[in-house]
Amino acid sequence: RGAEIAVQSYVDAIRARSVDQMRRVYPSLSAAVANDWKTQFAMVGHDGIDGLSVALTDMKVTPATSGAGATAQFTVKLTLQQHDCERQTSAILMRGTLRYDGATWHFELLDQQRAAR
């Protein structure tokens, strides 16, 4: 359950449009990915985009091992809907690995990319 909470915290940070919160959950977030999210968040309120909905449409966590040093693989599909006149929708597919240090789950690897519509 802790692995799911870690993933959900990252999704909640996206919902809050906060790269700082995203970094707290995943300190190794690359500058390129952070800048991409900042651009996405900055569009809200401009160019006819009056909001951004984030829906977690699928989450699967598969524990690979247990106990301290345990790992879990996860896949998440996020659907982003911009509330502009065209109601644009895009999806982001995230895959990664979490590691358990005996007390907390931490992101070890995170790959996120725009998914085909």
PDB file of N, CA and C in Angstrom:
ATOM      1  N   ARG A   1       0.830  -1.211   0.000  1.00  0.00           N
ATOM      2  CA  ARG A   1       0.000   0.000   0.000  1.00  0.00           C
ATOM      3  C   ARG A   1       0.866   1.262   0.000  1.00  0.00           C
ATOM      4  N   GLY A   2       2.021   1.219   0.640  1.00  0.00           N
ATOM      5  CA  GLY A   2       2.893   2.381   0.691  1.00  0.00           C
ATOM      6  C   GLY A   2       3.386   2.818  -0.677  1.00  0.00           C
ATOM      7  N   ALA A   3       3.620   1.848  -1.568  1.00  0.00           N
ATOM      8  CA  ALA A   3       4.066   2.187  -2.918  1.00  0.00           C
ATOM      9  C   ALA A   3       2.975   2.972  -3.651  1.00  0.00           C
ATOM     10  N   GLU A   4       1.721   2.542  -3.487  1.00  0.00           N
ATOM     11  CA  GLU A   4       0.609   3.252  -4.129  1.00  0.00           C
ATOM     12  C   GLU A   4       0.496   4.680  -3.599  1.00  0.00           C
ATOM     13  N   ILE A   5       0.731   4.863  -2.295  1.00  0.00           N
ATOM     14  CA  ILE A   5       0.666   6.202  -1.702  1.00  0.00           C
ATOM     15  C   ILE A   5       1.753   7.099  -2.297  1.00  0.00           C
ATOM     16  N   ALA A   6       2.949   6.564  -2.502  1.00  0.00           N
ATOM     17  CA  ALA A   6       4.039   7.350  -3.094  1.00  0.00           C
ATOM     18  C   ALA A   6       3.673   7.800  -4.509  1.00  0.00           C
ATOM     19  N   VAL A   7       3.129   6.882  -5.298  1.00  0.00           N
ATOM     20  CA  VAL A   7       2.724   7.225  -6.666  1.00  0.00           C
ATOM     21  C   VAL A   7       1.598   8.248  -6.631  1.00  0.00           C
ATOM     22  N   GLN A   8       0.614   8.037  -5.757  1.00  0.00           N
ATOM     23  CA  GLN A   8      -0.511   8.977  -5.649  1.00  0.00           C
ATOM     24  C   GLN A   8      -0.032  10.365  -5.224  1.00  0.00           C
ATOM     25  N   SER A   9       0.984  10.443  -4.383  1.00  0.00           N
ATOM     26  CA  SER A   9       1.535  11.741  -3.965  1.00  0.00           C
ATOM     27  C   SER A   9       2.102  12.506  -5.153  1.00  0.00           C
ATOM     28  N   TYR A  10       2.739  11.789  -6.067  1.00  0.00           N
ATOM     29  CA  TYR A  10       3.276  12.425  -7.276  1.00  0.00           C
ATOM     30  C   TYR A  10       2.128  12.937  -8.155  1.00  0.00           C
ATOM     31  N   VAL A  11       1.095  12.124  -8.310  1.00  0.00           N
ATOM     32  CA  VAL A  11      -0.083  12.538  -9.089  1.00  0.00           C
ATOM     33  C   VAL A  11      -0.742  13.750  -8.428  1.00  0.00           C
ATOM     34  N   ASP A  12      -0.850  13.745  -7.103  1.00  0.00           N
ATOM     35  CA  ASP A  12      -1.436  14.884  -6.387  1.00  0.00           C
ATOM     36  C   ASP A  12      -0.617  16.159  -6.604  1.00  0.00           C
ATOM     37  N   ALA A  13       0.704  16.030  -6.683  1.00  0.00           N
ATOM     38  CA  ALA A  13       1.566  17.186  -6.944  1.00  0.00           C
ATOM     39  C   ALA A  13       1.295  17.751  -8.337  1.00  0.00           C
ATOM     40  N   ILE A  14       1.037  16.870  -9.302  1.00  0.00           N
ATOM     41  CA  ILE A  14       0.687  17.325 -10.661  1.00  0.00           C
ATOM     42  C   ILE A  14      -0.647  18.050 -10.612  1.00  0.00           C
ATOM     43  N   ARG A  15      -1.619  17.463  -9.896  1.00  0.00           N
ATOM     44  CA  ARG A  15      -2.929  18.116  -9.763  1.00  0.00           C
ATOM     45  C   ARG A  15      -2.802  19.504  -9.156  1.00  0.00           C
ATOM     46  N   ALA A  16      -1.884  19.647  -8.202  1.00  0.00           N
ATOM     47  CA  ALA A  16      -1.667  20.931  -7.532  1.00  0.00           C
ATOM     48  C   ALA A  16      -0.840  21.881  -8.405  1.00  0.00           C
ATOM     49  N   ARG A  17      -0.374  21.383  -9.545  1.00  0.00           N
ATOM     50  CA  ARG A  17       0.470  22.149 -10.477  1.00  0.00           C
ATOM     51  C   ARG A  17       1.700  22.694  -9.753  1.00  0.00           C
ATOM     52  N   SER A  18       2.332  21.814  -8.979  1.00  0.00           N
ATOM     53  CA  SER A  18       3.481  22.220  -8.179  1.00  0.00           C
ATOM     54  C   SER A  18       4.696  21.353  -8.479  1.00  0.00           C
ATOM     55  N   VAL A  19       5.650  21.923  -9.213  1.00  0.00           N
ATOM     56  CA  VAL A  19       6.894  21.211  -9.487  1.00  0.00           C
ATOM     57  C   VAL A  19       7.672  21.012  -8.183  1.00  0.00           C
ATOM     58  N   ASP A  20       7.568  21.953  -7.253  1.00  0.00           N
ATOM     59  CA  ASP A  20       8.233  21.793  -5.954  1.00  0.00           C
ATOM     60  C   ASP A  20       7.731  20.550  -5.225  1.00  0.00           C
ATOM     61  N   GLN A  21       6.413  20.341  -5.215  1.00  0.00           N
ATOM     62  CA  GLN A  21       5.858  19.134  -4.591  1.00  0.00           C
ATOM     63  C   GLN A  21       6.293  17.884  -5.345  1.00  0.00           C
ATOM     64  N   MET A  22       6.357  17.977  -6.674  1.00  0.00           N
ATOM     65  CA  MET A  22       6.809  16.838  -7.480  1.00  0.00           C
ATOM     66  C   MET A  22       8.240  16.464  -7.089  1.00  0.00           C
ATOM     67  N   ARG A  23       9.081  17.468  -6.890  1.00  0.00           N
ATOM     68  CA  ARG A  23      10.482  17.223  -6.499  1.00  0.00           C
ATOM     69  C   ARG A  23      10.592  16.632  -5.089  1.00  0.00           C
ATOM     70  N   ARG A  24       9.677  17.019  -4.182  1.00  0.00           N
ATOM     71  CA  ARG A  24       9.707  16.434  -2.838  1.00  0.00           C
ATOM     72  C   ARG A  24       9.441  14.929  -2.901  1.00  0.00           C
ATOM     73  N   VAL A  25       8.543  14.526  -3.797  1.00  0.00           N
ATOM     74  CA  VAL A  25       8.224  13.114  -3.941  1.00  0.00           C
ATOM     75  C   VAL A  25       9.313  12.395  -4.743  1.00  0.00           C
ATOM     76  N   TYR A  26       9.826  13.073  -5.753  1.00  0.00           N
ATOM     77  CA  TYR A  26      10.841  12.480  -6.634  1.00  0.00           C
ATOM     78  C   TYR A  26      11.999  13.462  -6.785  1.00  0.00           C
ATOM     79  N   PRO A  27      12.934  13.480  -5.824  1.00  0.00           N
ATOM     80  CA  PRO A  27      14.032  14.448  -5.830  1.00  0.00           C
ATOM     81  C   PRO A  27      14.913  14.408  -7.085  1.00  0.00           C
ATOM     82  N   SER A  28      14.956  13.287  -7.780  1.00  0.00           N
ATOM     83  CA  SER A  28      15.794  13.166  -8.984  1.00  0.00           C
ATOM     84  C   SER A  28      15.080  13.602 -10.252  1.00  0.00           C
ATOM     85  N   LEU A  29      13.945  14.281 -10.129  1.00  0.00           N
ATOM     86  CA  LEU A  29      13.215  14.777 -11.296  1.00  0.00           C
ATOM     87  C   LEU A  29      14.157  15.615 -12.156  1.00  0.00           C
ATOM     88  N   SER A  30      14.267  15.259 -13.422  1.00  0.00           N
ATOM     89  CA  SER A  30      15.213  15.968 -14.289  1.00  0.00           C
ATOM     90  C   SER A  30      14.742  17.387 -14.583  1.00  0.00           C
ATOM     91  N   ALA A  31      15.685  18.251 -14.894  1.00  0.00           N
ATOM     92  CA  ALA A  31      15.365  19.642 -15.230  1.00  0.00           C
ATOM     93  C   ALA A  31      14.481  19.703 -16.471  1.00  0.00           C
ATOM     94  N   ALA A  32      14.737  18.839 -17.441  1.00  0.00           N
ATOM     95  CA  ALA A  32      13.944  18.842 -18.677  1.00  0.00           C
ATOM     96  C   ALA A  32      12.489  18.491 -18.399  1.00  0.00           C
ATOM     97  N   VAL A  33      12.262  17.477 -17.583  1.00  0.00           N
ATOM     98  CA  VAL A  33      10.888  17.084 -17.246  1.00  0.00           C
ATOM     99  C   VAL A  33      10.224  18.164 -16.399  1.00  0.00           C
ATOM    100  N   ALA A  34      10.955  18.727 -15.448  1.00  0.00           N
ATOM    101  CA  ALA A  34      10.414  19.801 -14.615  1.00  0.00           C
ATOM    102  C   ALA A  34      10.008  20.995 -15.476  1.00  0.00           C
ATOM    103  N   ASN A  35      10.848  21.352 -16.435  1.00  0.00           N
ATOM    104  CA  ASN A  35      10.533  22.481 -17.319  1.00  0.00           C
ATOM    105  C   ASN A  35       9.323  22.192 -18.192  1.00  0.00           C
ATOM    106  N   ASP A  36       9.185  20.949 -18.648  1.00  0.00           N
ATOM    107  CA  ASP A  36       8.015  20.577 -19.444  1.00  0.00           C
ATOM    108  C   ASP A  36       6.735  20.758 -18.626  1.00  0.00           C
ATOM    109  N   TRP A  37       6.770  20.313 -17.358  1.00  0.00           N
ATOM    110  CA  TRP A  37       5.596  20.483 -16.499  1.00  0.00           C
ATOM    111  C   TRP A  37       5.340  21.960 -16.209  1.00  0.00           C
ATOM    112  N   LYS A  38       6.392  22.729 -15.963  1.00  0.00           N
ATOM    113  CA  LYS A  38       6.214  24.164 -15.703  1.00  0.00           C
ATOM    114  C   LYS A  38       5.536  24.838 -16.887  1.00  0.00           C
ATOM    115  N   THR A  39       5.935  24.472 -18.094  1.00  0.00           N
ATOM    116  CA  THR A  39       5.316  25.025 -19.301  1.00  0.00           C
ATOM    117  C   THR A  39       3.844  24.651 -19.359  1.00  0.00           C
ATOM    118  N   GLN A  40       3.555  23.383 -19.100  1.00  0.00           N
ATOM    119  CA  GLN A  40       2.165  22.905 -19.112  1.00  0.00           C
ATOM    120  C   GLN A  40       1.334  23.665 -18.083  1.00  0.00           C
ATOM    121  N   PHE A  41       1.863  23.820 -16.873  1.00  0.00           N
ATOM    122  CA  PHE A  41       1.139  24.515 -15.811  1.00  0.00           C
ATOM    123  C   PHE A  41       0.960  25.995 -16.131  1.00  0.00           C
ATOM    124  N   ALA A  42       1.961  26.614 -16.739  1.00  0.00           N
ATOM    125  CA  ALA A  42       1.906  28.045 -17.038  1.00  0.00           C
ATOM    126  C   ALA A  42       0.859  28.377 -18.092  1.00  0.00           C
ATOM    127  N   MET A  43       0.493  27.403 -18.912  1.00  0.00           N
ATOM    128  CA  MET A  43      -0.510  27.652 -19.954  1.00  0.00           C
ATOM    129  C   MET A  43      -1.893  27.896 -19.371  1.00  0.00           C
ATOM    130  N   VAL A  44      -2.120  27.404 -18.155  1.00  0.00           N
ATOM    131  CA  VAL A  44      -3.432  27.594 -17.525  1.00  0.00           C
ATOM    132  C   VAL A  44      -3.625  29.082 -17.255  1.00  0.00           C
ATOM    133  N   GLY A  45      -4.747  29.593 -17.704  1.00  0.00           N
ATOM    134  CA  GLY A  45      -5.053  31.011 -17.540  1.00  0.00           C
ATOM    135  C   GLY A  45      -4.622  31.852 -18.729  1.00  0.00           C
ATOM    136  N   HIS A  46      -4.008  31.217 -19.725  1.00  0.00           N
ATOM    137  CA  HIS A  46      -3.552  31.921 -20.925  1.00  0.00           C
ATOM    138  C   HIS A  46      -4.006  31.163 -22.166  1.00  0.00           C
ATOM    139  N   ASP A  47      -4.014  31.840 -23.276  1.00  0.00           N
ATOM    140  CA  ASP A  47      -4.319  31.217 -24.575  1.00  0.00           C
ATOM    141  C   ASP A  47      -5.633  30.438 -24.564  1.00  0.00           C
ATOM    142  N   GLY A  48      -6.626  30.929 -23.830  1.00  0.00           N
ATOM    143  CA  GLY A  48      -7.935  30.289 -23.828  1.00  0.00           C
ATOM    144  C   GLY A  48      -8.034  29.052 -22.957  1.00  0.00           C
ATOM    145  N   ILE A  49      -6.997  28.732 -22.217  1.00  0.00           N
ATOM    146  CA  ILE A  49      -7.031  27.559 -21.347  1.00  0.00           C
ATOM    147  C   ILE A  49      -7.382  28.038 -19.948  1.00  0.00           C
ATOM    148  N   ASP A  50      -8.562  27.651 -19.491  1.00  0.00           N
ATOM    149  CA  ASP A  50      -9.008  28.160 -18.192  1.00  0.00           C
ATOM    150  C   ASP A  50      -8.883  27.140 -17.067  1.00  0.00           C
ATOM    151  N   GLY A  51      -8.342  25.976 -17.351  1.00  0.00           N
ATOM    152  CA  GLY A  51      -8.167  24.983 -16.296  1.00  0.00           C
ATOM    153  C   GLY A  51      -7.469  23.752 -16.836  1.00  0.00           C
ATOM    154  N   LEU A  52      -7.069  22.894 -15.941  1.00  0.00           N
ATOM    155  CA  LEU A  52      -6.380  21.672 -16.315  1.00  0.00           C
ATOM    156  C   LEU A  52      -6.856  20.572 -15.381  1.00  0.00           C
ATOM    157  N   SER A  53      -7.496  19.555 -15.917  1.00  0.00           N
ATOM    158  CA  SER A  53      -7.947  18.426 -15.104  1.00  0.00           C
ATOM    159  C   SER A  53      -6.934  17.300 -15.230  1.00  0.00           C
ATOM    160  N   VAL A  54      -6.643  16.653 -14.133  1.00  0.00           N
ATOM    161  CA  VAL A  54      -5.736  15.508 -14.137  1.00  0.00           C
ATOM    162  C   VAL A  54      -6.520  14.323 -13.599  1.00  0.00           C
ATOM    163  N   ALA A  55      -6.670  13.297 -14.417  1.00  0.00           N
ATOM    164  CA  ALA A  55      -7.374  12.093 -13.995  1.00  0.00           C
ATOM    165  C   ALA A  55      -6.413  10.918 -14.017  1.00  0.00           C
ATOM    166  N   LEU A  56      -6.323  10.229 -12.917  1.00  0.00           N
ATOM    167  CA  LEU A  56      -5.528   9.017 -12.848  1.00  0.00           C
ATOM    168  C   LEU A  56      -6.404   7.903 -13.399  1.00  0.00           C
ATOM    169  N   THR A  57      -6.126   7.468 -14.628  1.00  0.00           N
ATOM    170  CA  THR A  57      -7.011   6.516 -15.282  1.00  0.00           C
ATOM    171  C   THR A  57      -6.587   5.074 -15.089  1.00  0.00           C
ATOM    172  N   ASP A  58      -5.356   4.859 -14.649  1.00  0.00           N
ATOM    173  CA  ASP A  58      -4.904   3.479 -14.454  1.00  0.00           C
ATOM    174  C   ASP A  58      -3.665   3.500 -13.577  1.00  0.00           C
ATOM    175  N   MET A  59      -3.621   2.650 -12.572  1.00  0.00           N
ATOM    176  CA  MET A  59      -2.406   2.525 -11.774  1.00  0.00           C
ATOM    177  C   MET A  59      -2.241   1.059 -11.415  1.00  0.00           C
ATOM    178  N   LYS A  60      -1.047   0.549 -11.672  1.00  0.00           N
ATOM    179  CA  LYS A  60      -0.751  -0.844 -11.365  1.00  0.00           C
ATOM    180  C   LYS A  60       0.605  -0.880 -10.680  1.00  0.00           C
ATOM    181  N   VAL A  61       0.651  -1.393  -9.466  1.00  0.00           N
ATOM    182  CA  VAL A  61       1.909  -1.530  -8.735  1.00  0.00           C
ATOM    183  C   VAL A  61       2.148  -3.019  -8.514  1.00  0.00           C
ATOM    184  N   THR A  62       3.300  -3.476  -8.944  1.00  0.00           N
ATOM    185  CA  THR A  62       3.657  -4.880  -8.810  1.00  0.00           C
ATOM    186  C   THR A  62       4.885  -5.004  -7.918  1.00  0.00           C
ATOM    187  N   PRO A  63       4.718  -5.467  -6.672  1.00  0.00           N
ATOM    188  CA  PRO A  63       5.886  -5.625  -5.804  1.00  0.00           C
ATOM    189  C   PRO A  63       6.838  -6.682  -6.374  1.00  0.00           C
ATOM    190  N   ALA A  64       8.111  -6.335  -6.423  1.00  0.00           N
ATOM    191  CA  ALA A  64       9.105  -7.265  -6.941  1.00  0.00           C
ATOM    192  C   ALA A  64       9.769  -8.044  -5.806  1.00  0.00           C
ATOM    193  N   THR A  65       9.916  -7.404  -4.651  1.00  0.00           N
ATOM    194  CA  THR A  65      10.512  -8.040  -3.476  1.00  0.00           C
ATOM    195  C   THR A  65       9.836  -7.460  -2.241  1.00  0.00           C
ATOM    196  N   SER A  66      10.183  -7.982  -1.050  1.00  0.00           N
ATOM    197  CA  SER A  66       9.566  -7.451   0.167  1.00  0.00           C
ATOM    198  C   SER A  66      10.636  -7.137   1.209  1.00  0.00           C
ATOM    199  N   GLY A  67      10.241  -6.401   2.252  1.00  0.00           N
ATOM    200  CA  GLY A  67      11.168  -6.020   3.312  1.00  0.00           C
ATOM    201  C   GLY A  67      12.029  -4.839   2.905  1.00  0.00           C
ATOM    202  N   ALA A  68      12.978  -4.474   3.795  1.00  0.00           N
ATOM    203  CA  ALA A  68      13.882  -3.361   3.496  1.00  0.00           C
ATOM    204  C   ALA A  68      14.643  -3.684   2.216  1.00  0.00           C
ATOM    205  N   GLY A  69      14.753  -2.712   1.349  1.00  0.00           N
ATOM    206  CA  GLY A  69      15.389  -2.909   0.051  1.00  0.00           C
ATOM    207  C   GLY A  69      14.425  -3.415  -1.009  1.00  0.00           C
ATOM    208  N   ALA A  70      13.155  -3.586  -0.627  1.00  0.00           N
ATOM    209  CA  ALA A  70      12.144  -4.065  -1.567  1.00  0.00           C
ATOM    210  C   ALA A  70      11.975  -3.082  -2.710  1.00  0.00           C
ATOM    211  N   THR A  71      11.547  -3.593  -3.838  1.00  0.00           N
ATOM    212  CA  THR A  71      11.249  -2.738  -4.986  1.00  0.00           C
ATOM    213  C   THR A  71       9.836  -3.017  -5.471  1.00  0.00           C
ATOM    214  N   ALA A  72       9.261  -2.071  -6.168  1.00  0.00           N
ATOM    215  CA  ALA A  72       7.951  -2.229  -6.791  1.00  0.00           C
ATOM    216  C   ALA A  72       7.998  -1.538  -8.143  1.00  0.00           C
ATOM    217  N   GLN A  73       7.452  -2.194  -9.140  1.00  0.00           N
ATOM    218  CA  GLN A  73       7.327  -1.604 -10.466  1.00  0.00           C
ATOM    219  C   GLN A  73       5.945  -0.978 -10.560  1.00  0.00           C
ATOM    220  N   PHE A  74       5.847   0.159 -11.243  1.00  0.00           N
ATOM    221  CA  PHE A  74       4.525   0.757 -11.398  1.00  0.00           C
ATOM    222  C   PHE A  74       4.340   1.325 -12.797  1.00  0.00           C
ATOM    223  N   THR A  75       3.090   1.372 -13.197  1.00  0.00           N
ATOM    224  CA  THR A  75       2.675   1.998 -14.446  1.00  0.00           C
ATOM    225  C   THR A  75       1.473   2.870 -14.120  1.00  0.00           C
ATOM    226  N   VAL A  76       1.495   4.107 -14.580  1.00  0.00           N
ATOM    227  CA  VAL A  76       0.403   5.046 -14.351  1.00  0.00           C
ATOM    228  C   VAL A  76       0.073   5.717 -15.671  1.00  0.00           C
ATOM    229  N   LYS A  77      -1.203   5.837 -15.966  1.00  0.00           N
ATOM    230  CA  LYS A  77      -1.635   6.626 -17.120  1.00  0.00           C
ATOM    231  C   LYS A  77      -2.447   7.794 -16.597  1.00  0.00           C
ATOM    232  N   LEU A  78      -1.975   8.998 -16.899  1.00  0.00           N
ATOM    233  CA  LEU A  78      -2.678  10.223 -16.517  1.00  0.00           C
ATOM    234  C   LEU A  78      -3.345  10.805 -17.746  1.00  0.00           C
ATOM    235  N   THR A  79      -4.551  11.277 -17.591  1.00  0.00           N
ATOM    236  CA  THR A  79      -5.230  11.978 -18.671  1.00  0.00           C
ATOM    237  C   THR A  79      -5.339  13.435 -18.277  1.00  0.00           C
ATOM    238  N   LEU A  80      -4.807  14.303 -19.123  1.00  0.00           N
ATOM    239  CA  LEU A  80      -4.850  15.741 -18.892  1.00  0.00           C
ATOM    240  C   LEU A  80      -5.872  16.343 -19.838  1.00  0.00           C
ATOM    241  N   GLN A  81      -6.809  17.080 -19.305  1.00  0.00           N
ATOM    242  CA  GLN A  81      -7.805  17.722 -20.154  1.00  0.00           C
ATOM    243  C   GLN A  81      -7.743  19.219 -19.933  1.00  0.00           C
ATOM    244  N   GLN A  82      -7.478  19.935 -21.009  1.00  0.00           N
ATOM    245  CA  GLN A  82      -7.432  21.386 -20.944  1.00  0.00           C
ATOM    246  C   GLN A  82      -8.825  21.922 -21.240  1.00  0.00           C
ATOM    247  N   HIS A  83      -9.290  22.814 -20.391  1.00  0.00           N
ATOM    248  CA  HIS A  83     -10.630  23.373 -20.537  1.00  0.00           C
ATOM    249  C   HIS A  83     -10.592  24.606 -21.433  1.00  0.00           C
ATOM    250  N   ASP A  84     -10.250  24.389 -22.681  1.00  0.00           N
ATOM    251  CA  ASP A  84     -10.303  25.497 -23.627  1.00  0.00           C
ATOM    252  C   ASP A  84     -11.451  25.230 -24.600  1.00  0.00           C
ATOM    253  N   CYS A  85     -11.552  26.028 -25.605  1.00  0.00           N
ATOM    254  CA  CYS A  85     -12.688  25.885 -26.516  1.00  0.00           C
ATOM    255  C   CYS A  85     -12.666  24.555 -27.268  1.00  0.00           C
ATOM    256  N   GLU A  86     -11.516  23.908 -27.377  1.00  0.00           N
ATOM    257  CA  GLU A  86     -11.437  22.639 -28.101  1.00  0.00           C
ATOM    258  C   GLU A  86     -11.439  21.433 -27.167  1.00  0.00           C
ATOM    259  N   ARG A  87     -11.382  21.649 -25.849  1.00  0.00           N
ATOM    260  CA  ARG A  87     -11.362  20.560 -24.868  1.00  0.00           C
ATOM    261  C   ARG A  87     -10.289  19.525 -25.220  1.00  0.00           C
ATOM    262  N   GLN A  88      -9.057  19.984 -25.354  1.00  0.00           N
ATOM    263  CA  GLN A  88      -7.948  19.112 -25.725  1.00  0.00           C
ATOM    264  C   GLN A  88      -7.649  18.111 -24.611  1.00  0.00           C
ATOM    265  N   THR A  89      -7.358  16.902 -25.016  1.00  0.00           N
ATOM    266  CA  THR A  89      -7.009  15.856 -24.062  1.00  0.00           C
ATOM    267  C   THR A  89      -5.689  15.228 -24.479  1.00  0.00           C
ATOM    268  N   SER A  90      -4.832  15.003 -23.504  1.00  0.00           N
ATOM    269  CA  SER A  90      -3.592  14.286 -23.775  1.00  0.00           C
ATOM    270  C   SER A  90      -3.364  13.312 -22.632  1.00  0.00           C
ATOM    271  N   ALA A  91      -2.539  12.328 -22.889  1.00  0.00           N
ATOM    272  CA  ALA A  91      -2.261  11.328 -21.865  1.00  0.00           C
ATOM    273  C   ALA A  91      -0.760  11.262 -21.635  1.00  0.00           C
ATOM    274  N   ILE A  92      -0.391  10.993 -20.406  1.00  0.00           N
ATOM    275  CA  ILE A  92       1.009  10.805 -20.032  1.00  0.00           C
ATOM    276  C   ILE A  92       1.118   9.423 -19.408  1.00  0.00           C
ATOM    277  N   LEU A  93       2.034   8.638 -19.930  1.00  0.00           N
ATOM    278  CA  LEU A  93       2.275   7.307 -19.405  1.00  0.00           C
ATOM    279  C   LEU A  93       3.540   7.362 -18.563  1.00  0.00           C
ATOM    280  N   MET A  94       3.431   6.944 -17.309  1.00  0.00           N
ATOM    281  CA  MET A  94       4.587   6.936 -16.408  1.00  0.00           C
ATOM    282  C   MET A  94       4.865   5.493 -15.995  1.00  0.00           C
ATOM    283  N   ARG A  95       6.127   5.135 -16.053  1.00  0.00           N
ATOM    284  CA  ARG A  95       6.574   3.817 -15.597  1.00  0.00           C
ATOM    285  C   ARG A  95       7.783   4.024 -14.717  1.00  0.00           C
ATOM    286  N   GLY A  96       7.918   3.188 -13.717  1.00  0.00           N
ATOM    287  CA  GLY A  96       9.092   3.355 -12.882  1.00  0.00           C
ATOM    288  C   GLY A  96       9.245   2.293 -11.828  1.00  0.00           C
ATOM    289  N   THR A  97      10.222   2.555 -10.976  1.00  0.00           N
ATOM    290  CA  THR A  97      10.548   1.647  -9.886  1.00  0.00           C
ATOM    291  C   THR A  97      10.610   2.439  -8.586  1.00  0.00           C
ATOM    292  N   LEU A  98      10.031   1.873  -7.562  1.00  0.00           N
ATOM    293  CA  LEU A  98      10.104   2.417  -6.210  1.00  0.00           C
ATOM    294  C   LEU A  98      10.956   1.462  -5.370  1.00  0.00           C
ATOM    295  N   ARG A  99      11.677   2.021  -4.398  1.00  0.00           N
ATOM    296  CA  ARG A  99      12.469   1.197  -3.480  1.00  0.00           C
ATOM    297  C   ARG A  99      12.047   1.527  -2.049  1.00  0.00           C
ATOM    298  N   TYR A 100      11.913   0.487  -1.235  1.00  0.00           N
ATOM    299  CA  TYR A 100      11.518   0.624   0.160  1.00  0.00           C
ATOM    300  C   TYR A 100      12.772   0.596   1.030  1.00  0.00           C
ATOM    301  N   ASP A 101      12.949   1.615   1.875  1.00  0.00           N
ATOM    302  CA  ASP A 101      14.155   1.689   2.703  1.00  0.00           C
ATOM    303  C   ASP A 101      13.940   1.138   4.111  1.00  0.00           C
ATOM    304  N   GLY A 102      12.807   0.492   4.330  1.00  0.00           N
ATOM    305  CA  GLY A 102      12.475  -0.039   5.653  1.00  0.00           C
ATOM    306  C   GLY A 102      11.447   0.820   6.361  1.00  0.00           C
ATOM    307  N   ALA A 103      11.294   2.075   5.894  1.00  0.00           N
ATOM    308  CA  ALA A 103      10.312   2.986   6.491  1.00  0.00           C
ATOM    309  C   ALA A 103       9.437   3.654   5.430  1.00  0.00           C
ATOM    310  N   THR A 104      10.002   3.973   4.270  1.00  0.00           N
ATOM    311  CA  THR A 104       9.308   4.751   3.257  1.00  0.00           C
ATOM    312  C   THR A 104       9.635   4.232   1.861  1.00  0.00           C
ATOM    313  N   TRP A 105       8.691   4.393   0.951  1.00  0.00           N
ATOM    314  CA  TRP A 105       8.926   4.087  -0.460  1.00  0.00           C
ATOM    315  C   TRP A 105       9.451   5.341  -1.145  1.00  0.00           C
ATOM    316  N   HIS A 106      10.473   5.189  -1.974  1.00  0.00           N
ATOM    317  CA  HIS A 106      11.072   6.300  -2.714  1.00  0.00           C
ATOM    318  C   HIS A 106      11.146   5.953  -4.197  1.00  0.00           C
ATOM    319  N   PHE A 107      10.947   6.972  -5.034  1.00  0.00           N
ATOM    320  CA  PHE A 107      11.131   6.775  -6.468  1.00  0.00           C
ATOM    321  C   PHE A 107      12.602   6.501  -6.743  1.00  0.00           C
ATOM    322  N   GLU A 108      12.862   5.453  -7.463  1.00  0.00           N
ATOM    323  CA  GLU A 108      14.221   5.125  -7.869  1.00  0.00           C
ATOM    324  C   GLU A 108      14.402   5.464  -9.348  1.00  0.00           C
ATOM    325  N   LEU A 109      13.357   5.238 -10.124  1.00  0.00           N
ATOM    326  CA  LEU A 109      13.393   5.481 -11.560  1.00  0.00           C
ATOM    327  C   LEU A 109      12.008   5.912 -11.986  1.00  0.00           C
ATOM    328  N   LEU A 110      11.928   6.910 -12.844  1.00  0.00           N
ATOM    329  CA  LEU A 110      10.636   7.366 -13.356  1.00  0.00           C
ATOM    330  C   LEU A 110      10.822   7.786 -14.806  1.00  0.00           C
ATOM    331  N   ASP A 111      10.062   7.175 -15.674  1.00  0.00           N
ATOM    332  CA  ASP A 111      10.060   7.530 -17.091  1.00  0.00           C
ATOM    333  C   ASP A 111       8.658   7.990 -17.408  1.00  0.00           C
ATOM    334  N   GLN A 112       8.531   9.176 -17.962  1.00  0.00           N
ATOM    335  CA  GLN A 112       7.200   9.647 -18.343  1.00  0.00           C
ATOM    336  C   GLN A 112       7.263  10.201 -19.743  1.00  0.00           C
ATOM    337  N   GLN A 113       6.237   9.882 -20.508  1.00  0.00           N
ATOM    338  CA  GLN A 113       6.181  10.334 -21.892  1.00  0.00           C
ATOM    339  C   GLN A 113       4.736  10.522 -22.311  1.00  0.00           C
ATOM    340  N   ARG A 114       4.562  11.384 -23.283  1.00  0.00           N
ATOM    341  CA  ARG A 114       3.226  11.580 -23.838  1.00  0.00           C
ATOM    342  C   ARG A 114       2.809  10.298 -24.528  1.00  0.00           C
ATOM    343  N   ALA A 115       1.618   9.850 -24.226  1.00  0.00           N
ATOM    344  CA  ALA A 115       1.096   8.618 -24.837  1.00  0.00           C
ATOM    345  C   ALA A 115       0.329   8.973 -26.099  1.00  0.00           C
ATOM    346  N   ALA A 116       0.280   8.032 -27.011  1.00  0.00           N
ATOM    347  CA  ALA A 116      -0.503   8.229 -28.234  1.00  0.00           C
ATOM    348  C   ALA A 116      -1.968   8.350 -27.860  1.00  0.00           C
ATOM    349  N   ARG A 117      -2.673   9.194 -28.574  1.00  0.00           N
ATOM    350  CA  ARG A 117      -4.100   9.382 -28.273  1.00  0.00           C
ATOM    351  C   ARG A 117      -4.897   8.184 -28.689  1.00  0.00           C
TER     352      ARG A 117
END
